[in-house]
Amino acid sequence: MSRRKKQEDAPVSEGAPVSQNAPESLPDGICVAGHPRSAGAVRRAKGWGGLVGAVLCAALALGAHLPVLDAMLRGLAGGVVGYLVLWALALAVARQLVIAEVRARYAELKRAAASDG
């Protein structure tokens, strides 16, 4: 029996939600995963980073007249590196954009409150 099955069969405490199909909840506060545009942008960046890294490394390896198997292995490694590098960069940029967006909204609400009060 898998762990998931055991968790589903476990009794639910009174304070816990009953929904079985509910997605895992996001953490409270500001997060990139909870932001609709930033989460999509990070996913796209990871995909493009892996693709470009794999193609670039494989092309360079084939241009250096390496055997095809070695070139494909280098392409695979380049894809993994490209994926990780662009993921880190996209996450850093998205985090700063989300924080800037929250600060702008806070300043807007503060101005609105000052003009009303």
Protein backbone atom coordinates (compact mmCIF):
# COMPACT_ATOMS: atom_id res chain seq x y z
CA MET A 1 0.00 0.00 0.00
CA SER A 2 1.41 3.38 -0.94
CA ARG A 3 1.87 6.28 1.43
CA ARG A 4 -0.74 8.31 -0.45
CA LYS A 5 -3.35 5.60 0.09
CA LYS A 6 -2.49 5.42 3.80
CA GLN A 7 -2.86 9.19 4.15
CA GLU A 8 -6.23 9.15 2.40
CA ASP A 9 -7.52 6.44 4.74
CA ALA A 10 -6.31 8.24 7.86
CA PRO A 11 -9.03 9.86 9.96
CA VAL A 12 -9.48 13.58 9.41
CA SER A 13 -9.19 15.87 12.40
CA GLU A 14 -12.00 18.31 13.12
CA GLY A 15 -10.08 21.42 12.02
CA ALA A 16 -8.74 19.95 8.76
CA PRO A 17 -10.52 20.51 5.46
CA VAL A 18 -12.43 17.50 4.13
CA SER A 19 -11.84 18.04 0.39
CA GLN A 20 -9.92 15.12 -1.13
CA ASN A 21 -9.27 16.80 -4.50
CA ALA A 22 -8.01 20.13 -3.17
CA PRO A 23 -4.55 21.09 -4.45
CA GLU A 24 -1.75 21.48 -1.97
CA SER A 25 -2.07 24.87 -0.34
CA LEU A 26 0.41 27.59 -1.08
CA PRO A 27 2.33 29.17 1.79
CA ASP A 28 0.90 32.28 3.41
CA GLY A 29 2.44 35.52 2.26
CA ILE A 30 4.16 36.51 -0.94
CA CYS A 31 5.51 33.73 -3.16
CA VAL A 32 6.39 33.39 -6.83
CA ALA A 33 4.49 30.11 -7.13
CA GLY A 34 1.28 31.82 -6.07
CA HIS A 35 1.60 34.66 -8.57
CA PRO A 36 -0.14 33.82 -11.85
CA ARG A 37 2.18 35.63 -14.26
CA SER A 38 5.46 34.96 -12.46
CA ALA A 39 4.86 31.23 -12.08
CA GLY A 40 4.21 30.90 -15.82
CA ALA A 41 7.22 33.01 -16.71
CA VAL A 42 9.51 30.86 -14.55
CA ARG A 43 8.13 27.67 -16.15
CA ARG A 44 8.71 29.05 -19.65
CA ALA A 45 12.24 30.17 -18.77
CA LYS A 46 13.11 26.71 -17.44
CA GLY A 47 11.86 25.08 -20.61
CA TRP A 48 13.71 27.44 -22.92
CA GLY A 49 16.89 27.17 -20.82
CA GLY A 50 16.91 23.39 -21.06
CA LEU A 51 16.16 23.40 -24.77
CA VAL A 52 18.71 26.05 -25.72
CA GLY A 53 21.38 24.49 -23.49
CA ALA A 54 20.88 21.04 -25.00
CA VAL A 55 20.87 22.24 -28.61
CA LEU A 56 23.83 24.57 -28.14
CA CYS A 57 26.02 22.00 -26.41
CA ALA A 58 25.12 19.24 -28.86
CA ALA A 59 25.83 21.53 -31.83
CA LEU A 60 29.18 22.59 -30.41
CA ALA A 61 30.12 18.98 -29.69
CA LEU A 62 29.14 17.86 -33.20
CA GLY A 63 31.06 20.82 -34.62
CA ALA A 64 34.14 19.57 -32.78
CA HIS A 65 33.74 16.22 -34.61
CA LEU A 66 32.97 14.20 -31.50
CA PRO A 67 31.13 10.89 -31.86
CA VAL A 68 27.35 11.26 -31.91
CA LEU A 69 26.86 9.49 -28.56
CA ASP A 70 29.35 11.79 -26.84
CA ALA A 71 27.76 14.83 -28.46
CA MET A 72 24.29 13.80 -27.28
CA LEU A 73 25.55 13.17 -23.75
CA ARG A 74 27.12 16.62 -23.71
CA GLY A 75 23.89 18.03 -25.07
CA LEU A 76 21.98 16.36 -22.24
CA ALA A 77 24.38 17.78 -19.66
CA GLY A 78 24.13 21.20 -21.28
CA GLY A 79 20.34 20.99 -21.14
CA VAL A 80 20.40 20.24 -17.42
CA VAL A 81 22.81 23.11 -16.76
CA GLY A 82 20.80 25.51 -18.92
CA TYR A 83 17.60 24.49 -17.12
CA LEU A 84 19.10 25.10 -13.69
CA VAL A 85 20.82 28.38 -14.59
CA LEU A 86 17.75 29.92 -16.21
CA TRP A 87 15.54 28.65 -13.40
CA ALA A 88 17.71 30.44 -10.83
CA LEU A 89 17.82 33.64 -12.88
CA ALA A 90 14.10 33.61 -13.64
CA LEU A 91 13.25 32.97 -10.01
CA ALA A 92 15.43 35.87 -8.84
CA VAL A 93 13.89 38.24 -11.39
CA ALA A 94 10.33 37.06 -10.72
CA ARG A 95 10.80 37.44 -6.97
CA GLN A 96 11.92 41.05 -7.40
CA LEU A 97 9.02 41.80 -9.76
CA VAL A 98 6.46 40.35 -7.34
CA ILE A 99 7.91 42.37 -4.46
CA ALA A 100 7.88 45.54 -6.59
CA GLU A 101 4.27 44.88 -7.54
CA VAL A 102 3.27 44.46 -3.89
CA ARG A 103 5.11 47.66 -2.92
CA ALA A 104 3.39 49.60 -5.70
CA ARG A 105 -0.02 48.31 -4.60
CA TYR A 106 0.76 49.21 -0.99
CA ALA A 107 1.77 52.75 -1.98
CA GLU A 108 -1.42 53.06 -4.04
CA LEU A 109 -3.57 51.98 -1.09
CA LYS A 110 -1.67 54.28 1.24
CA ARG A 111 -2.28 57.26 -1.09
CA ALA A 112 -5.96 56.36 -1.34
CA ALA A 113 -6.25 56.13 2.44
CA ALA A 114 -4.48 59.48 2.90
CA SER A 115 -6.76 61.23 0.42
CA ASP A 116 -9.89 59.77 2.10
CA GLY A 117 -8.80 60.51 5.65
